């Protein structure tokens, strides 16, 4: 007799499932709307601050300057403006070769450099060694160079050892 009583009608079961599906569809549509909105704003900002417009303005300025002078004077103005731009770029460039030379002098003989990654204003390195004293010597050299303002910040990502007594660690050096 109890088996014949149905407290939840079949219509209620279907509406609950439909409400659940409608909720997930509404939630996913809001999430997609927010994603599209944020991507469009990001693209607008990137487009607004792109250097392409600056290059076009500089090009039109140089062309207008060149048209005012005779050909030899125009070439001189063009070459001198390019040399000025090149010297500005060189003055803002980071000298990674000098930094890598300095790092090579700091690394003891029995510490192996596994990987070296240079990105914008940072250097990431992975090392391995069997000698803890050599690792300590490397750390002392790096701290000394940080005190001389060669590196702004030194992050030790991890230090681990394996069964064979080999120690490995990773460092991140911030240049600015």
N, C-alpha and C. Protein backbone atom coordinates (compact mmCIF):
# COMPACT_ATOMS: atom_id res chain seq x y z
N UNK A 1 0.82 -1.19 0.00
CA UNK A 1 0.00 0.00 0.00
C UNK A 1 0.87 1.27 0.00
N UNK A 2 2.02 1.22 0.73
CA UNK A 2 2.89 2.39 0.79
C UNK A 2 3.57 2.60 -0.56
N UNK A 3 3.77 1.54 -1.30
CA UNK A 3 4.43 1.68 -2.60
C UNK A 3 3.58 2.47 -3.59
N UNK A 4 2.28 2.52 -3.40
CA UNK A 4 1.40 3.22 -4.33
C UNK A 4 1.40 4.73 -4.12
N UNK A 5 1.85 5.17 -2.95
CA UNK A 5 1.83 6.62 -2.66
C UNK A 5 3.07 7.25 -3.28
N UNK A 6 2.85 8.28 -4.06
CA UNK A 6 3.93 9.00 -4.72
C UNK A 6 3.88 10.45 -4.24
N UNK A 7 4.81 10.81 -3.35
CA UNK A 7 4.81 12.16 -2.80
C UNK A 7 5.32 13.19 -3.81
N UNK A 8 6.22 12.80 -4.65
CA UNK A 8 6.72 13.70 -5.70
C UNK A 8 6.14 13.25 -7.02
N UNK A 9 5.35 14.08 -7.58
CA UNK A 9 4.76 13.74 -8.86
C UNK A 9 5.79 13.76 -9.96
N UNK A 10 5.50 13.13 -11.05
CA UNK A 10 6.44 13.06 -12.16
C UNK A 10 6.67 14.44 -12.76
N UNK A 11 5.70 15.33 -12.71
CA UNK A 11 5.87 16.67 -13.24
C UNK A 11 6.91 17.44 -12.42
N UNK A 12 6.92 17.23 -11.10
CA UNK A 12 7.88 17.94 -10.25
C UNK A 12 9.31 17.49 -10.53
N UNK A 13 9.49 16.23 -10.82
CA UNK A 13 10.82 15.74 -11.11
C UNK A 13 11.36 16.41 -12.38
N UNK A 14 10.55 16.52 -13.36
CA UNK A 14 10.98 17.13 -14.61
C UNK A 14 11.26 18.62 -14.45
N UNK A 15 10.45 19.33 -13.67
CA UNK A 15 10.68 20.76 -13.51
C UNK A 15 11.95 21.02 -12.71
N UNK A 16 12.26 20.16 -11.75
CA UNK A 16 13.50 20.33 -11.00
C UNK A 16 14.71 20.16 -11.91
N UNK A 17 14.70 19.17 -12.76
CA UNK A 17 15.79 18.94 -13.70
C UNK A 17 15.88 20.09 -14.70
N UNK A 18 14.73 20.57 -15.15
CA UNK A 18 14.73 21.70 -16.09
C UNK A 18 15.25 22.97 -15.42
N UNK A 19 14.89 23.19 -14.16
CA UNK A 19 15.39 24.36 -13.44
C UNK A 19 16.91 24.27 -13.25
N UNK A 20 17.39 23.08 -12.99
CA UNK A 20 18.83 22.89 -12.82
C UNK A 20 19.57 23.17 -14.12
N UNK A 21 19.06 22.67 -15.22
CA UNK A 21 19.68 22.92 -16.52
C UNK A 21 19.62 24.40 -16.86
N UNK A 22 18.50 25.04 -16.60
CA UNK A 22 18.36 26.48 -16.88
C UNK A 22 19.32 27.29 -16.03
N UNK A 23 19.53 26.89 -14.80
CA UNK A 23 20.47 27.61 -13.92
C UNK A 23 21.89 27.51 -14.48
N UNK A 24 22.31 26.31 -14.88
CA UNK A 24 23.65 26.15 -15.41
C UNK A 24 23.84 26.88 -16.74
N UNK A 25 22.81 26.88 -17.58
CA UNK A 25 22.90 27.63 -18.84
C UNK A 25 23.00 29.13 -18.58
N UNK A 26 22.22 29.62 -17.62
CA UNK A 26 22.27 31.05 -17.28
C UNK A 26 23.63 31.41 -16.71
N UNK A 27 24.14 30.58 -15.83
CA UNK A 27 25.45 30.84 -15.22
C UNK A 27 26.55 30.83 -16.28
N UNK A 28 26.51 29.85 -17.17
CA UNK A 28 27.54 29.79 -18.21
C UNK A 28 27.42 30.97 -19.17
N UNK A 29 26.22 31.43 -19.46
CA UNK A 29 26.07 32.60 -20.34
C UNK A 29 26.62 33.85 -19.68
N UNK A 30 26.41 34.01 -18.36
CA UNK A 30 26.98 35.17 -17.66
C UNK A 30 28.51 35.11 -17.65
N UNK A 31 29.06 33.94 -17.44
CA UNK A 31 30.51 33.78 -17.43
C UNK A 31 31.08 34.11 -18.82
N UNK A 32 30.46 33.61 -19.87
CA UNK A 32 30.92 33.91 -21.22
C UNK A 32 30.78 35.40 -21.54
N UNK A 33 29.71 36.02 -21.06
CA UNK A 33 29.53 37.45 -21.27
C UNK A 33 30.65 38.25 -20.59
N UNK A 34 31.00 37.87 -19.38
CA UNK A 34 32.08 38.55 -18.66
C UNK A 34 33.41 38.33 -19.37
N UNK A 35 33.68 37.12 -19.86
CA UNK A 35 34.91 36.85 -20.58
C UNK A 35 35.01 37.66 -21.87
N UNK A 36 33.93 37.72 -22.62
CA UNK A 36 33.95 38.49 -23.87
C UNK A 36 34.15 39.97 -23.57
N UNK A 37 33.49 40.46 -22.54
CA UNK A 37 33.63 41.86 -22.16
C UNK A 37 35.07 42.17 -21.73
N UNK A 38 35.66 41.32 -20.91
CA UNK A 38 37.03 41.57 -20.45
C UNK A 38 38.04 41.46 -21.59
N UNK A 39 37.86 40.50 -22.51
CA UNK A 39 38.76 40.39 -23.65
C UNK A 39 38.64 41.60 -24.57
N UNK A 40 37.43 42.10 -24.75
CA UNK A 40 37.27 43.26 -25.62
C UNK A 40 37.91 44.49 -25.00
N UNK A 41 37.81 44.65 -23.68
CA UNK A 41 38.47 45.78 -23.02
C UNK A 41 39.98 45.63 -23.12
N UNK A 42 40.50 44.43 -22.92
CA UNK A 42 41.94 44.21 -23.01
C UNK A 42 42.44 44.50 -24.43
N UNK A 43 41.73 44.06 -25.44
CA UNK A 43 42.13 44.35 -26.81
C UNK A 43 42.07 45.84 -27.11
N UNK A 44 41.06 46.51 -26.57
CA UNK A 44 40.97 47.96 -26.76
C UNK A 44 42.17 48.67 -26.15
N UNK A 45 42.54 48.27 -24.94
CA UNK A 45 43.68 48.90 -24.27
C UNK A 45 44.97 48.61 -25.01
N UNK A 46 45.16 47.37 -25.45
CA UNK A 46 46.36 47.03 -26.22
C UNK A 46 46.43 47.82 -27.53
N UNK A 47 45.30 47.96 -28.17
CA UNK A 47 45.26 48.70 -29.42
C UNK A 47 45.51 50.19 -29.19
N UNK A 48 45.00 50.70 -28.10
CA UNK A 48 45.15 52.13 -27.81
C UNK A 48 46.60 52.49 -27.50
N UNK A 49 47.30 51.65 -26.77
CA UNK A 49 48.66 51.95 -26.35
C UNK A 49 49.72 51.25 -27.20
N UNK A 50 49.35 50.82 -28.39
CA UNK A 50 50.32 50.12 -29.22
C UNK A 50 51.35 51.11 -29.75
N UNK A 51 52.53 50.58 -30.00
CA UNK A 51 53.61 51.44 -30.49
C UNK A 51 53.49 51.67 -31.99
N UNK A 52 52.59 51.00 -32.66
CA UNK A 52 52.42 51.18 -34.10
C UNK A 52 52.01 52.61 -34.42
N UNK A 53 51.10 53.18 -33.63
CA UNK A 53 50.68 54.56 -33.86
C UNK A 53 51.84 55.52 -33.66
N UNK A 54 52.65 55.26 -32.67
CA UNK A 54 53.82 56.11 -32.43
C UNK A 54 54.78 56.05 -33.62
N UNK A 55 54.98 54.85 -34.16
CA UNK A 55 55.86 54.70 -35.31
C UNK A 55 55.30 55.42 -36.53
N UNK A 56 53.99 55.35 -36.72
CA UNK A 56 53.37 56.06 -37.84
C UNK A 56 53.52 57.57 -37.69
N UNK A 57 53.35 58.09 -36.48
CA UNK A 57 53.52 59.52 -36.25
C UNK A 57 54.97 59.93 -36.49
N UNK A 58 55.90 59.12 -36.03
CA UNK A 58 57.31 59.41 -36.25
C UNK A 58 57.65 59.36 -37.73
N UNK A 59 57.09 58.42 -38.43
CA UNK A 59 57.33 58.31 -39.87
C UNK A 59 56.80 59.54 -40.60
N UNK A 60 55.59 59.97 -40.27
CA UNK A 60 55.03 61.15 -40.94
C UNK A 60 55.84 62.40 -40.60
N UNK A 61 56.33 62.49 -39.36
CA UNK A 61 57.16 63.63 -38.97
C UNK A 61 58.47 63.65 -39.76
N UNK A 62 59.11 62.50 -39.88
CA UNK A 62 60.38 62.42 -40.61
C UNK A 62 60.17 62.73 -42.09
N UNK A 63 59.08 62.24 -42.66
CA UNK A 63 58.80 62.51 -44.07
C UNK A 63 58.57 64.00 -44.28
N UNK A 64 57.84 64.63 -43.37
CA UNK A 64 57.61 66.07 -43.51
C UNK A 64 58.91 66.86 -43.35
N UNK A 65 59.78 66.40 -42.45
CA UNK A 65 61.07 67.06 -42.27
C UNK A 65 61.95 66.88 -43.51
N UNK A 66 61.90 65.69 -44.09
CA UNK A 66 62.72 65.42 -45.27
C UNK A 66 62.26 66.23 -46.48
N UNK A 67 60.99 66.46 -46.60
CA UNK A 67 60.48 67.18 -47.76
C UNK A 67 60.87 68.65 -47.72
N UNK A 68 61.20 69.19 -46.56
CA UNK A 68 61.57 70.60 -46.46
C UNK A 68 63.00 70.86 -46.92
N UNK A 69 63.85 69.86 -46.87
CA UNK A 69 65.27 70.05 -47.18
C UNK A 69 65.60 69.50 -48.56
N UNK A 70 66.76 69.86 -49.02
CA UNK A 70 67.24 69.26 -50.25
C UNK A 70 67.65 67.82 -49.95
N UNK A 71 67.85 66.96 -50.92
CA UNK A 71 68.08 65.53 -50.69
C UNK A 71 69.25 65.22 -49.75
N UNK A 72 70.36 65.92 -49.87
CA UNK A 72 71.50 65.61 -49.01
C UNK A 72 71.22 65.99 -47.56
N UNK A 73 70.61 67.15 -47.36
CA UNK A 73 70.28 67.56 -45.99
C UNK A 73 69.21 66.65 -45.40
N UNK A 74 68.28 66.21 -46.23
CA UNK A 74 67.24 65.29 -45.77
C UNK A 74 67.81 63.96 -45.33
N UNK A 75 68.77 63.45 -46.10
CA UNK A 75 69.42 62.21 -45.73
C UNK A 75 70.19 62.38 -44.42
N UNK A 76 70.82 63.53 -44.27
CA UNK A 76 71.56 63.79 -43.03
C UNK A 76 70.62 63.83 -41.82
N UNK A 77 69.47 64.49 -41.95
CA UNK A 77 68.49 64.56 -40.86
C UNK A 77 67.96 63.16 -40.55
N UNK A 78 67.69 62.40 -41.60
CA UNK A 78 67.17 61.05 -41.42
C UNK A 78 68.19 60.17 -40.69
N UNK A 79 69.43 60.20 -41.13
CA UNK A 79 70.48 59.37 -40.51
C UNK A 79 70.74 59.82 -39.07
N UNK A 80 70.76 61.12 -38.83
CA UNK A 80 71.01 61.58 -37.46
C UNK A 80 69.86 61.22 -36.53
N UNK A 81 68.62 61.27 -37.01
CA UNK A 81 67.50 60.86 -36.14
C UNK A 81 67.55 59.37 -35.86
N UNK A 82 67.94 58.56 -36.84
CA UNK A 82 68.07 57.12 -36.61
C UNK A 82 69.19 56.81 -35.62
N UNK A 83 70.31 57.52 -35.76
CA UNK A 83 71.42 57.31 -34.82
C UNK A 83 71.01 57.68 -33.39
N UNK A 84 70.24 58.74 -33.25
CA UNK A 84 69.75 59.14 -31.93
C UNK A 84 68.83 58.07 -31.36
N UNK A 85 67.94 57.53 -32.20
CA UNK A 85 67.05 56.45 -31.75
C UNK A 85 67.82 55.20 -31.35
N UNK A 86 68.83 54.85 -32.13
CA UNK A 86 69.64 53.67 -31.83
C UNK A 86 70.41 53.85 -30.53
N UNK A 87 70.97 55.05 -30.32
CA UNK A 87 71.70 55.28 -29.07
C UNK A 87 70.77 55.24 -27.87
N UNK A 88 69.52 55.70 -28.03
CA UNK A 88 68.55 55.59 -26.93
C UNK A 88 68.23 54.13 -26.62
N UNK A 89 68.07 53.32 -27.66
CA UNK A 89 67.79 51.90 -27.45
C UNK A 89 68.97 51.20 -26.77
N UNK A 90 70.18 51.52 -27.19
CA UNK A 90 71.36 50.89 -26.61
C UNK A 90 71.52 51.29 -25.15
N UNK A 91 71.19 52.53 -24.82
CA UNK A 91 71.34 52.97 -23.43
C UNK A 91 70.33 52.29 -22.50
N UNK A 92 69.17 51.88 -23.03
CA UNK A 92 68.16 51.21 -22.20
C UNK A 92 68.32 49.70 -22.17
N UNK A 93 69.24 49.16 -22.94
CA UNK A 93 69.42 47.72 -23.06
C UNK A 93 70.12 47.15 -21.83
N UNK A 94 69.70 45.98 -21.43
CA UNK A 94 70.37 45.27 -20.34
C UNK A 94 71.56 44.51 -20.91
N UNK A 95 72.69 44.56 -20.23
CA UNK A 95 73.90 43.89 -20.69
C UNK A 95 73.98 42.51 -20.04
N UNK A 96 73.33 41.54 -20.68
CA UNK A 96 73.29 40.19 -20.14
C UNK A 96 74.64 39.51 -20.23
N UNK A 97 75.45 39.87 -21.20
CA UNK A 97 76.74 39.20 -21.33
C UNK A 97 77.64 39.47 -20.13
N UNK A 98 77.63 40.68 -19.62
CA UNK A 98 78.43 41.00 -18.44
C UNK A 98 77.89 40.28 -17.20
N UNK A 99 76.58 40.19 -17.11
CA UNK A 99 75.97 39.52 -15.96
C UNK A 99 76.27 38.02 -16.01
N UNK A 100 76.23 37.43 -17.20
CA UNK A 100 76.52 36.00 -17.32
C UNK A 100 77.99 35.73 -17.02
N UNK A 101 78.88 36.62 -17.43
CA UNK A 101 80.30 36.47 -17.08
C UNK A 101 80.48 36.51 -15.56
N UNK A 102 79.80 37.44 -14.91
CA UNK A 102 79.88 37.55 -13.46
C UNK A 102 79.36 36.28 -12.79
N UNK A 103 78.24 35.75 -13.30
CA UNK A 103 77.68 34.52 -12.74
C UNK A 103 78.63 33.34 -12.95
N UNK A 104 79.27 33.28 -14.11
CA UNK A 104 80.20 32.18 -14.38
C UNK A 104 81.38 32.21 -13.42
N UNK A 105 81.82 33.39 -13.04
CA UNK A 105 82.92 33.50 -12.07
C UNK A 105 82.48 33.09 -10.67
N UNK A 106 81.20 33.27 -10.35
CA UNK A 106 80.69 32.96 -9.01
C UNK A 106 80.49 31.47 -8.79
N UNK A 107 80.22 30.72 -9.84
CA UNK A 107 79.86 29.30 -9.71
C UNK A 107 81.11 28.48 -9.45
N UNK A 108 81.17 27.75 -8.33
CA UNK A 108 82.32 26.88 -8.04
C UNK A 108 82.42 25.73 -9.04
N UNK A 109 83.59 25.07 -9.05
CA UNK A 109 83.87 24.02 -10.02
C UNK A 109 82.92 22.83 -9.91
N UNK A 110 82.59 22.43 -8.70
CA UNK A 110 81.78 21.22 -8.54
C UNK A 110 80.28 21.50 -8.45
N UNK A 111 79.85 22.69 -8.83
CA UNK A 111 78.43 22.99 -8.96
C UNK A 111 78.11 23.04 -10.44
N UNK A 112 77.15 22.20 -10.86
CA UNK A 112 76.79 22.11 -12.27
C UNK A 112 75.56 22.97 -12.55
N UNK A 113 75.63 23.76 -13.60
CA UNK A 113 74.50 24.57 -14.04
C UNK A 113 73.66 23.71 -14.98
N UNK A 114 72.47 23.37 -14.55
CA UNK A 114 71.59 22.49 -15.32
C UNK A 114 70.82 23.27 -16.39
N UNK A 115 70.28 24.45 -16.03
CA UNK A 115 69.53 25.24 -17.00
C UNK A 115 69.68 26.72 -16.67
N UNK A 116 69.58 27.53 -17.71
CA UNK A 116 69.68 28.97 -17.60
C UNK A 116 68.62 29.58 -18.50
N UNK A 117 67.73 30.40 -17.90
CA UNK A 117 66.68 31.05 -18.66
C UNK A 117 66.74 32.54 -18.39
N UNK A 118 66.85 33.31 -19.45
CA UNK A 118 66.90 34.76 -19.33
C UNK A 118 65.61 35.32 -19.89
N UNK A 119 64.89 36.04 -19.05
CA UNK A 119 63.68 36.70 -19.50
C UNK A 119 63.82 38.19 -19.21
N UNK A 120 62.77 38.91 -19.39
CA UNK A 120 62.82 40.36 -19.22
C UNK A 120 63.11 40.71 -17.77
N UNK A 121 64.29 41.19 -17.51
CA UNK A 121 64.74 41.67 -16.20
C UNK A 121 64.85 40.57 -15.15
N UNK A 122 64.97 39.32 -15.54
CA UNK A 122 65.18 38.25 -14.57
C UNK A 122 65.95 37.11 -15.22
N UNK A 123 66.66 36.38 -14.36
CA UNK A 123 67.43 35.22 -14.80
C UNK A 123 67.06 34.05 -13.90
N UNK A 124 66.69 32.94 -14.50
CA UNK A 124 66.33 31.74 -13.76
C UNK A 124 67.38 30.67 -14.03
N UNK A 125 67.87 30.03 -12.95
CA UNK A 125 68.92 29.02 -13.10
C UNK A 125 68.60 27.81 -12.22
N UNK A 126 68.99 26.64 -12.72
CA UNK A 126 68.88 25.41 -11.95
C UNK A 126 70.27 24.80 -11.82
N UNK A 127 70.61 24.39 -10.60
CA UNK A 127 71.94 23.86 -10.31
C UNK A 127 71.83 22.48 -9.69
N UNK A 128 72.95 21.75 -9.73
CA UNK A 128 73.08 20.50 -8.99
C UNK A 128 74.52 20.36 -8.53
N UNK A 129 74.69 19.72 -7.38
CA UNK A 129 76.03 19.52 -6.83
C UNK A 129 75.96 18.42 -5.77
N UNK A 130 77.11 17.83 -5.51
CA UNK A 130 77.21 16.85 -4.44
C UNK A 130 77.82 17.45 -3.19
N UNK A 131 78.32 18.66 -3.27
CA UNK A 131 79.05 19.28 -2.18
C UNK A 131 78.25 20.46 -1.62
N UNK A 132 77.86 20.39 -0.37
CA UNK A 132 77.11 21.47 0.25
C UNK A 132 77.97 22.71 0.48
N UNK A 133 79.26 22.53 0.69
CA UNK A 133 80.13 23.68 0.87
C UNK A 133 80.20 24.52 -0.39
N UNK A 134 80.22 23.89 -1.54
CA UNK A 134 80.23 24.63 -2.80
C UNK A 134 78.93 25.39 -3.01
N UNK A 135 77.83 24.76 -2.63
CA UNK A 135 76.53 25.43 -2.73
C UNK A 135 76.51 26.65 -1.82
N UNK A 136 77.05 26.49 -0.61
CA UNK A 136 77.13 27.61 0.32
C UNK A 136 78.01 28.72 -0.24
N UNK A 137 79.12 28.36 -0.87
CA UNK A 137 79.99 29.35 -1.50
C UNK A 137 79.26 30.11 -2.60
N UNK A 138 78.48 29.42 -3.40
CA UNK A 138 77.69 30.07 -4.43
C UNK A 138 76.69 31.04 -3.83
N UNK A 139 76.00 30.60 -2.76
CA UNK A 139 75.04 31.48 -2.09
C UNK A 139 75.73 32.72 -1.53
N UNK A 140 76.90 32.53 -0.92
CA UNK A 140 77.64 33.69 -0.38
C UNK A 140 78.01 34.67 -1.48
N UNK A 141 78.46 34.15 -2.62
CA UNK A 141 78.81 35.01 -3.75
C UNK A 141 77.60 35.77 -4.27
N UNK A 142 76.45 35.10 -4.33
CA UNK A 142 75.24 35.76 -4.82
C UNK A 142 74.76 36.84 -3.85
N UNK A 143 74.83 36.55 -2.56
CA UNK A 143 74.43 37.55 -1.56
C UNK A 143 75.36 38.76 -1.62
N UNK A 144 76.64 38.50 -1.80
CA UNK A 144 77.61 39.60 -1.91
C UNK A 144 77.31 40.46 -3.14
N UNK A 145 76.96 39.83 -4.25
CA UNK A 145 76.64 40.60 -5.46
C UNK A 145 75.32 41.36 -5.29
N UNK A 146 74.39 40.80 -4.53
CA UNK A 146 73.14 41.52 -4.27
C UNK A 146 73.40 42.75 -3.40
N UNK A 147 74.36 42.65 -2.50
CA UNK A 147 74.70 43.81 -1.69
C UNK A 147 75.39 44.88 -2.52
N UNK A 148 76.05 44.48 -3.61
CA UNK A 148 76.67 45.44 -4.52
C UNK A 148 75.67 45.95 -5.56
N UNK A 149 74.41 45.58 -5.42
CA UNK A 149 73.31 46.01 -6.29
C UNK A 149 73.41 45.47 -7.71
N UNK A 150 74.08 44.34 -7.89
CA UNK A 150 74.08 43.69 -9.20
C UNK A 150 72.72 43.04 -9.43
N UNK A 151 72.20 42.38 -8.39
CA UNK A 151 70.87 41.78 -8.43
C UNK A 151 70.02 42.47 -7.37
N UNK A 152 68.78 42.72 -7.71
CA UNK A 152 67.87 43.37 -6.77
C UNK A 152 67.32 42.35 -5.78
N UNK A 153 66.96 41.18 -6.28
CA UNK A 153 66.31 40.18 -5.43
C UNK A 153 66.75 38.79 -5.88
N UNK A 154 67.00 37.91 -4.91
CA UNK A 154 67.38 36.53 -5.19
C UNK A 154 66.37 35.62 -4.52
N UNK A 155 65.71 34.76 -5.31
CA UNK A 155 64.73 33.81 -4.78
C UNK A 155 65.25 32.40 -4.96
N UNK A 156 65.28 31.65 -3.87
CA UNK A 156 65.63 30.23 -3.91
C UNK A 156 64.32 29.47 -4.04
N UNK A 157 64.13 28.83 -5.20
CA UNK A 157 62.86 28.16 -5.47
C UNK A 157 62.74 26.84 -4.72
N UNK A 158 63.81 26.11 -4.61
CA UNK A 158 63.73 24.85 -3.90
C UNK A 158 65.10 24.22 -3.78
N UNK A 159 65.27 23.44 -2.75
CA UNK A 159 66.51 22.70 -2.53
C UNK A 159 66.11 21.28 -2.19
N UNK A 160 66.58 20.33 -2.99
CA UNK A 160 66.20 18.93 -2.76
C UNK A 160 67.43 18.06 -2.95
N UNK A 161 67.33 16.86 -2.39
CA UNK A 161 68.41 15.89 -2.56
C UNK A 161 67.81 14.55 -2.98
N UNK A 162 68.61 13.76 -3.66
CA UNK A 162 68.15 12.43 -4.05
C UNK A 162 68.95 11.37 -3.31
N UNK A 163 68.72 10.11 -3.65
CA UNK A 163 69.34 9.00 -2.93
C UNK A 163 70.86 8.96 -3.11
N UNK A 164 71.34 9.46 -4.23
CA UNK A 164 72.78 9.40 -4.50
C UNK A 164 73.56 10.53 -3.83
N UNK A 165 72.88 11.37 -3.06
CA UNK A 165 73.55 12.46 -2.36
C UNK A 165 73.77 13.69 -3.21
N UNK A 166 73.06 13.77 -4.32
CA UNK A 166 73.17 14.92 -5.21
C UNK A 166 72.10 15.94 -4.83
N UNK A 167 72.49 17.18 -4.64
CA UNK A 167 71.57 18.24 -4.27
C UNK A 167 71.23 19.06 -5.51
N UNK A 168 69.97 19.44 -5.65
CA UNK A 168 69.57 20.29 -6.77
C UNK A 168 68.72 21.43 -6.23
N UNK A 169 68.87 22.59 -6.87
CA UNK A 169 68.10 23.77 -6.45
C UNK A 169 67.94 24.72 -7.63
N UNK A 170 67.00 25.63 -7.48
CA UNK A 170 66.72 26.62 -8.52
C UNK A 170 66.76 28.01 -7.93
N UNK A 171 67.26 28.95 -8.70
CA UNK A 171 67.36 30.34 -8.27
C UNK A 171 66.70 31.24 -9.30
N UNK A 172 66.08 32.32 -8.82
CA UNK A 172 65.54 33.36 -9.68
C UNK A 172 66.17 34.67 -9.26
N UNK A 173 66.89 35.31 -10.17
CA UNK A 173 67.59 36.56 -9.91
C UNK A 173 66.88 37.69 -10.63
N UNK A 174 66.40 38.67 -9.88
CA UNK A 174 65.74 39.83 -10.48
C UNK A 174 66.76 40.93 -10.68
N UNK A 175 66.83 41.45 -11.89
CA UNK A 175 67.79 42.47 -12.22
C UNK A 175 67.27 43.87 -11.92
N UNK A 176 65.96 44.04 -11.89
CA UNK A 176 65.36 45.34 -11.58
C UNK A 176 64.22 45.19 -10.64
